[in-house]
């Protein structure tokens, strides 16, 4: 006969010797922002990549304009 596998325990132990669960701490900080500052704070996740792409496009455009002006003179 093959040995029967022992069932694994998946229930949380709640006896007298159980580890005491520490309370979770939520830290909140209040900041007084202007309307524009609050708008920027709320849309930061979208604005950062958009500003990065805009700066890269602007730099590439300036390089292309510089190259064209060198060859036209």
C-alpha atoms as a PDB file:
ATOM      1  CA  UNK A   1       0.000   0.000   0.000  1.00  0.00           C
ATOM      2  CA  UNK A   2       1.152   3.485  -0.853  1.00  0.00           C
ATOM      3  CA  UNK A   3       1.358   6.000   1.944  1.00  0.00           C
ATOM      4  CA  UNK A   4      -1.578   8.357   2.037  1.00  0.00           C
ATOM      5  CA  UNK A   5      -0.558  12.028   1.706  1.00  0.00           C
ATOM      6  CA  UNK A   6      -1.206  14.124   4.752  1.00  0.00           C
ATOM      7  CA  UNK A   7      -3.695  16.950   4.230  1.00  0.00           C
ATOM      8  CA  UNK A   8      -2.050  20.367   4.416  1.00  0.00           C
ATOM      9  CA  UNK A   9      -3.446  22.806   6.934  1.00  0.00           C
ATOM     10  CA  UNK A  10      -4.683  26.049   5.363  1.00  0.00           C
ATOM     11  CA  UNK A  11      -6.695  27.376   8.294  1.00  0.00           C
ATOM     12  CA  UNK A  12      -5.269  30.240  10.369  1.00  0.00           C
ATOM     13  CA  UNK A  13      -4.385  29.213  13.924  1.00  0.00           C
ATOM     14  CA  UNK A  14      -6.298  31.306  16.462  1.00  0.00           C
ATOM     15  CA  UNK A  15      -5.360  29.555  19.700  1.00  0.00           C
ATOM     16  CA  UNK A  16      -3.897  31.031  22.886  1.00  0.00           C
ATOM     17  CA  UNK A  17      -0.350  30.802  21.517  1.00  0.00           C
ATOM     18  CA  UNK A  18      -1.171  32.394  18.165  1.00  0.00           C
ATOM     19  CA  UNK A  19       0.939  35.337  17.020  1.00  0.00           C
ATOM     20  CA  UNK A  20      -0.697  38.675  17.758  1.00  0.00           C
ATOM     21  CA  UNK A  21      -1.485  40.539  14.557  1.00  0.00           C
ATOM     22  CA  UNK A  22      -0.101  44.063  14.592  1.00  0.00           C
ATOM     23  CA  UNK A  23      -2.511  46.822  13.555  1.00  0.00           C
ATOM     24  CA  UNK A  24      -1.857  48.407  10.169  1.00  0.00           C
ATOM     25  CA  UNK A  25      -0.813  52.051  10.275  1.00  0.00           C
ATOM     26  CA  UNK A  26      -2.039  54.412   7.573  1.00  0.00           C
ATOM     27  CA  UNK A  27      -0.078  57.630   7.391  1.00  0.00           C
ATOM     28  CA  UNK A  28      -1.858  60.635   5.898  1.00  0.00           C
ATOM     29  CA  UNK A  29      -0.354  64.040   5.283  1.00  0.00           C
ATOM     30  CA  UNK A  30      -2.430  67.088   4.489  1.00  0.00           C
ATOM     31  CA  UNK A  31      -1.015  69.692   2.118  1.00  0.00           C
ATOM     32  CA  UNK A  32      -2.599  73.021   1.271  1.00  0.00           C
ATOM     33  CA  UNK A  33      -2.192  73.358  -2.518  1.00  0.00           C
ATOM     34  CA  UNK A  34      -3.351  75.961  -4.995  1.00  0.00           C
ATOM     35  CA  UNK A  35      -5.879  74.972  -7.666  1.00  0.00           C
ATOM     36  CA  UNK A  36      -3.135  74.601 -10.287  1.00  0.00           C
ATOM     37  CA  UNK A  37      -0.903  72.721  -7.863  1.00  0.00           C
ATOM     38  CA  UNK A  38      -3.707  70.275  -7.005  1.00  0.00           C
ATOM     39  CA  UNK A  39      -4.502  69.755 -10.711  1.00  0.00           C
ATOM     40  CA  UNK A  40      -0.851  68.993 -11.446  1.00  0.00           C
ATOM     41  CA  UNK A  41      -0.613  66.639  -8.437  1.00  0.00           C
ATOM     42  CA  UNK A  42      -3.670  64.649  -9.548  1.00  0.00           C
ATOM     43  CA  UNK A  43      -2.472  64.308 -13.153  1.00  0.00           C
ATOM     44  CA  UNK A  44       1.232  63.750 -12.452  1.00  0.00           C
ATOM     45  CA  UNK A  45       1.085  60.122 -13.622  1.00  0.00           C
ATOM     46  CA  UNK A  46      -0.080  61.208 -17.088  1.00  0.00           C
ATOM     47  CA  UNK A  47       1.830  64.491 -17.377  1.00  0.00           C
ATOM     48  CA  UNK A  48       5.361  63.185 -16.727  1.00  0.00           C
ATOM     49  CA  UNK A  49       5.521  60.904 -19.806  1.00  0.00           C
ATOM     50  CA  UNK A  50       3.719  63.507 -21.932  1.00  0.00           C
ATOM     51  CA  UNK A  51       6.206  66.239 -20.970  1.00  0.00           C
ATOM     52  CA  UNK A  52       9.140  63.869 -21.574  1.00  0.00           C
ATOM     53  CA  UNK A  53       7.863  63.031 -25.069  1.00  0.00           C
ATOM     54  CA  UNK A  54       7.273  66.724 -25.822  1.00  0.00           C
ATOM     55  CA  UNK A  55      10.838  67.631 -24.777  1.00  0.00           C
ATOM     56  CA  UNK A  56      12.307  64.819 -26.918  1.00  0.00           C
ATOM     57  CA  UNK A  57      10.245  65.916 -29.934  1.00  0.00           C
ATOM     58  CA  UNK A  58      11.345  69.538 -29.415  1.00  0.00           C
ATOM     59  CA  UNK A  59      15.035  68.559 -29.251  1.00  0.00           C
ATOM     60  CA  UNK A  60      14.750  66.436 -32.413  1.00  0.00           C
ATOM     61  CA  UNK A  61      12.955  69.307 -34.174  1.00  0.00           C
ATOM     62  CA  UNK A  62      15.719  71.763 -33.194  1.00  0.00           C
ATOM     63  CA  UNK A  63      18.384  69.358 -34.481  1.00  0.00           C
ATOM     64  CA  UNK A  64      16.551  68.944 -37.801  1.00  0.00           C
ATOM     65  CA  UNK A  65      16.118  72.738 -38.174  1.00  0.00           C
ATOM     66  CA  UNK A  66      19.817  73.223 -37.430  1.00  0.00           C
ATOM     67  CA  UNK A  67      20.879  70.644 -40.019  1.00  0.00           C
ATOM     68  CA  UNK A  68      18.560  72.126 -42.667  1.00  0.00           C
ATOM     69  CA  UNK A  69      19.858  75.652 -41.990  1.00  0.00           C
ATOM     70  CA  UNK A  70      23.476  74.462 -42.384  1.00  0.00           C
ATOM     71  CA  UNK A  71      22.766  72.912 -45.789  1.00  0.00           C
ATOM     72  CA  UNK A  72      20.694  75.841 -47.100  1.00  0.00           C
ATOM     73  CA  UNK A  73      23.460  78.412 -46.451  1.00  0.00           C
END
